[in-house]
Amino acid sequence: MQDANLTWRKSTRSGAAGHCVEVANVPAAVLMRDSKDADGPVLSFAAPQWGGFIAGVRAGEFDRA
């Protein structure tokens, strides 16, 4: 799903090493891709799924032990 009209953005906390993802909002979904492979695959998450993921990140659910 590569669309020239999409506005892709990445976190301002992304480091210089380039290990990042970019996200774009579309109606009823959030899209995510690897910032190093702009023409590669795109994942699509429904708004409730994305909200659950963000809540897990904020709660430290995915922190490395």
N, C-alpha and C. Protein backbone atom coordinates (compact mmCIF):
# COMPACT_ATOMS: atom_id res chain seq x y z
N MET A 1 0.85 -1.18 0.00
CA MET A 1 0.00 0.00 0.00
C MET A 1 0.89 1.24 0.00
N GLN A 2 1.45 1.55 -1.12
CA GLN A 2 2.30 2.72 -1.26
C GLN A 2 1.49 3.81 -1.94
N ASP A 3 1.21 4.87 -1.25
CA ASP A 3 0.38 5.95 -1.76
C ASP A 3 1.13 7.25 -1.57
N ALA A 4 1.33 7.97 -2.66
CA ALA A 4 2.08 9.23 -2.60
C ALA A 4 1.38 10.26 -1.71
N ASN A 5 0.09 10.07 -1.44
CA ASN A 5 -0.65 11.02 -0.62
C ASN A 5 -0.53 10.76 0.87
N LEU A 6 0.09 9.65 1.25
CA LEU A 6 0.25 9.34 2.68
C LEU A 6 1.35 10.21 3.28
N THR A 7 1.15 10.61 4.51
CA THR A 7 2.17 11.34 5.25
C THR A 7 2.78 10.39 6.27
N TRP A 8 3.99 9.93 5.99
CA TRP A 8 4.69 9.00 6.87
C TRP A 8 5.49 9.81 7.88
N ARG A 9 5.50 9.36 9.12
CA ARG A 9 6.29 10.05 10.16
C ARG A 9 6.92 9.02 11.07
N LYS A 10 8.01 9.41 11.70
CA LYS A 10 8.66 8.54 12.67
C LYS A 10 8.93 9.33 13.94
N SER A 11 9.20 8.63 14.98
CA SER A 11 9.39 9.25 16.28
C SER A 11 10.57 10.22 16.26
N THR A 12 10.40 11.30 16.98
CA THR A 12 11.52 12.24 17.13
C THR A 12 12.62 11.63 17.98
N ARG A 13 12.34 10.52 18.64
CA ARG A 13 13.33 9.83 19.46
C ARG A 13 14.12 8.79 18.68
N SER A 14 13.85 8.70 17.40
CA SER A 14 14.58 7.73 16.57
C SER A 14 16.05 8.12 16.52
N GLY A 15 16.89 7.12 16.64
CA GLY A 15 18.32 7.37 16.62
C GLY A 15 18.87 7.47 15.21
N ALA A 16 20.12 7.83 15.13
CA ALA A 16 20.79 8.00 13.83
C ALA A 16 21.06 6.67 13.15
N ALA A 17 20.96 5.55 13.87
CA ALA A 17 21.28 4.24 13.31
C ALA A 17 20.23 3.79 12.28
N GLY A 18 19.08 4.40 12.27
CA GLY A 18 18.07 4.07 11.28
C GLY A 18 17.21 2.87 11.61
N HIS A 19 17.23 2.41 12.85
CA HIS A 19 16.39 1.27 13.25
C HIS A 19 15.03 1.80 13.69
N CYS A 20 14.22 2.20 12.73
CA CYS A 20 12.94 2.83 13.07
C CYS A 20 11.81 2.29 12.19
N VAL A 21 10.64 2.61 12.63
CA VAL A 21 9.46 2.38 11.80
C VAL A 21 8.81 3.74 11.58
N GLU A 22 8.01 3.82 10.53
CA GLU A 22 7.25 5.01 10.24
C GLU A 22 5.77 4.65 10.27
N VAL A 23 4.94 5.60 10.65
CA VAL A 23 3.51 5.36 10.67
C VAL A 23 2.80 6.42 9.84
N ALA A 24 1.65 6.04 9.31
CA ALA A 24 0.78 6.95 8.57
C ALA A 24 -0.65 6.65 8.99
N ASN A 25 -1.44 7.68 9.13
CA ASN A 25 -2.85 7.51 9.49
C ASN A 25 -3.72 7.56 8.24
N VAL A 26 -4.65 6.63 8.17
CA VAL A 26 -5.68 6.62 7.12
C VAL A 26 -7.00 6.43 7.85
N PRO A 27 -8.11 6.69 7.19
CA PRO A 27 -9.40 6.49 7.88
C PRO A 27 -9.51 5.07 8.47
N ALA A 28 -9.78 4.99 9.74
CA ALA A 28 -10.03 3.74 10.46
C ALA A 28 -8.82 2.83 10.62
N ALA A 29 -7.61 3.32 10.32
CA ALA A 29 -6.44 2.45 10.48
C ALA A 29 -5.17 3.27 10.66
N VAL A 30 -4.14 2.59 11.14
CA VAL A 30 -2.79 3.14 11.21
C VAL A 30 -1.90 2.19 10.43
N LEU A 31 -1.08 2.73 9.54
CA LEU A 31 -0.17 1.93 8.73
C LEU A 31 1.23 2.07 9.30
N MET A 32 2.03 1.00 9.17
CA MET A 32 3.39 1.01 9.68
C MET A 32 4.31 0.33 8.66
N ARG A 33 5.50 0.91 8.49
CA ARG A 33 6.49 0.34 7.59
C ARG A 33 7.88 0.55 8.16
N ASP A 34 8.84 -0.19 7.63
CA ASP A 34 10.25 -0.05 8.00
C ASP A 34 10.79 1.19 7.32
N SER A 35 11.39 2.09 8.08
CA SER A 35 11.87 3.34 7.50
C SER A 35 13.01 3.12 6.50
N LYS A 36 13.72 2.01 6.61
CA LYS A 36 14.81 1.72 5.68
C LYS A 36 14.33 1.10 4.38
N ASP A 37 13.06 0.70 4.31
CA ASP A 37 12.51 0.03 3.14
C ASP A 37 11.16 0.64 2.80
N ALA A 38 11.19 1.87 2.32
CA ALA A 38 9.95 2.61 2.05
C ALA A 38 9.06 1.92 1.01
N ASP A 39 9.64 1.10 0.15
CA ASP A 39 8.85 0.40 -0.86
C ASP A 39 8.48 -1.02 -0.44
N GLY A 40 8.84 -1.38 0.79
CA GLY A 40 8.58 -2.73 1.28
C GLY A 40 7.17 -2.88 1.82
N PRO A 41 6.94 -3.95 2.55
CA PRO A 41 5.60 -4.25 3.06
C PRO A 41 5.11 -3.20 4.07
N VAL A 42 3.81 -3.07 4.13
CA VAL A 42 3.15 -2.14 5.05
C VAL A 42 2.17 -2.94 5.90
N LEU A 43 2.24 -2.77 7.20
CA LEU A 43 1.29 -3.40 8.11
C LEU A 43 0.15 -2.43 8.37
N SER A 44 -1.05 -2.95 8.51
CA SER A 44 -2.22 -2.13 8.77
C SER A 44 -2.86 -2.58 10.07
N PHE A 45 -3.14 -1.62 10.95
CA PHE A 45 -3.75 -1.90 12.24
C PHE A 45 -5.03 -1.09 12.37
N ALA A 46 -6.12 -1.75 12.75
CA ALA A 46 -7.35 -1.03 13.06
C ALA A 46 -7.11 -0.15 14.28
N ALA A 47 -7.84 0.93 14.38
CA ALA A 47 -7.64 1.88 15.48
C ALA A 47 -7.62 1.22 16.86
N PRO A 48 -8.55 0.30 17.19
CA PRO A 48 -8.50 -0.34 18.52
C PRO A 48 -7.22 -1.17 18.73
N GLN A 49 -6.76 -1.85 17.68
CA GLN A 49 -5.52 -2.63 17.80
C GLN A 49 -4.33 -1.71 18.06
N TRP A 50 -4.27 -0.62 17.32
CA TRP A 50 -3.16 0.33 17.50
C TRP A 50 -3.20 0.93 18.90
N GLY A 51 -4.38 1.28 19.37
CA GLY A 51 -4.51 1.82 20.72
C GLY A 51 -4.03 0.85 21.78
N GLY A 52 -4.34 -0.44 21.60
CA GLY A 52 -3.87 -1.46 22.54
C GLY A 52 -2.36 -1.60 22.50
N PHE A 53 -1.77 -1.53 21.32
CA PHE A 53 -0.31 -1.60 21.18
C PHE A 53 0.35 -0.42 21.89
N ILE A 54 -0.14 0.78 21.64
CA ILE A 54 0.44 1.98 22.26
C ILE A 54 0.30 1.91 23.78
N ALA A 55 -0.83 1.44 24.26
CA ALA A 55 -1.02 1.30 25.72
C ALA A 55 0.01 0.32 26.29
N GLY A 56 0.27 -0.78 25.57
CA GLY A 56 1.27 -1.75 26.01
C GLY A 56 2.67 -1.16 26.03
N VAL A 57 3.00 -0.35 25.03
CA VAL A 57 4.31 0.30 24.99
C VAL A 57 4.46 1.23 26.20
N ARG A 58 3.45 2.03 26.43
CA ARG A 58 3.50 2.98 27.55
C ARG A 58 3.58 2.28 28.90
N ALA A 59 2.99 1.09 29.00
CA ALA A 59 3.00 0.33 30.26
C ALA A 59 4.28 -0.48 30.43
N GLY A 60 5.16 -0.46 29.43
CA GLY A 60 6.41 -1.21 29.53
C GLY A 60 6.28 -2.66 29.20
N GLU A 61 5.18 -3.05 28.58
CA GLU A 61 4.91 -4.45 28.27
C GLU A 61 5.98 -5.07 27.36
N PHE A 62 6.61 -4.26 26.52
CA PHE A 62 7.56 -4.77 25.55
C PHE A 62 9.01 -4.44 25.90
N ASP A 63 9.24 -3.91 27.09
CA ASP A 63 10.61 -3.58 27.51
C ASP A 63 11.44 -4.84 27.63
N ARG A 64 12.68 -4.72 27.27
CA ARG A 64 13.59 -5.86 27.44
C ARG A 64 13.98 -5.97 28.90
N ALA A 65 13.97 -7.17 29.39
CA ALA A 65 14.28 -7.39 30.81
C ALA A 65 15.77 -7.36 31.06
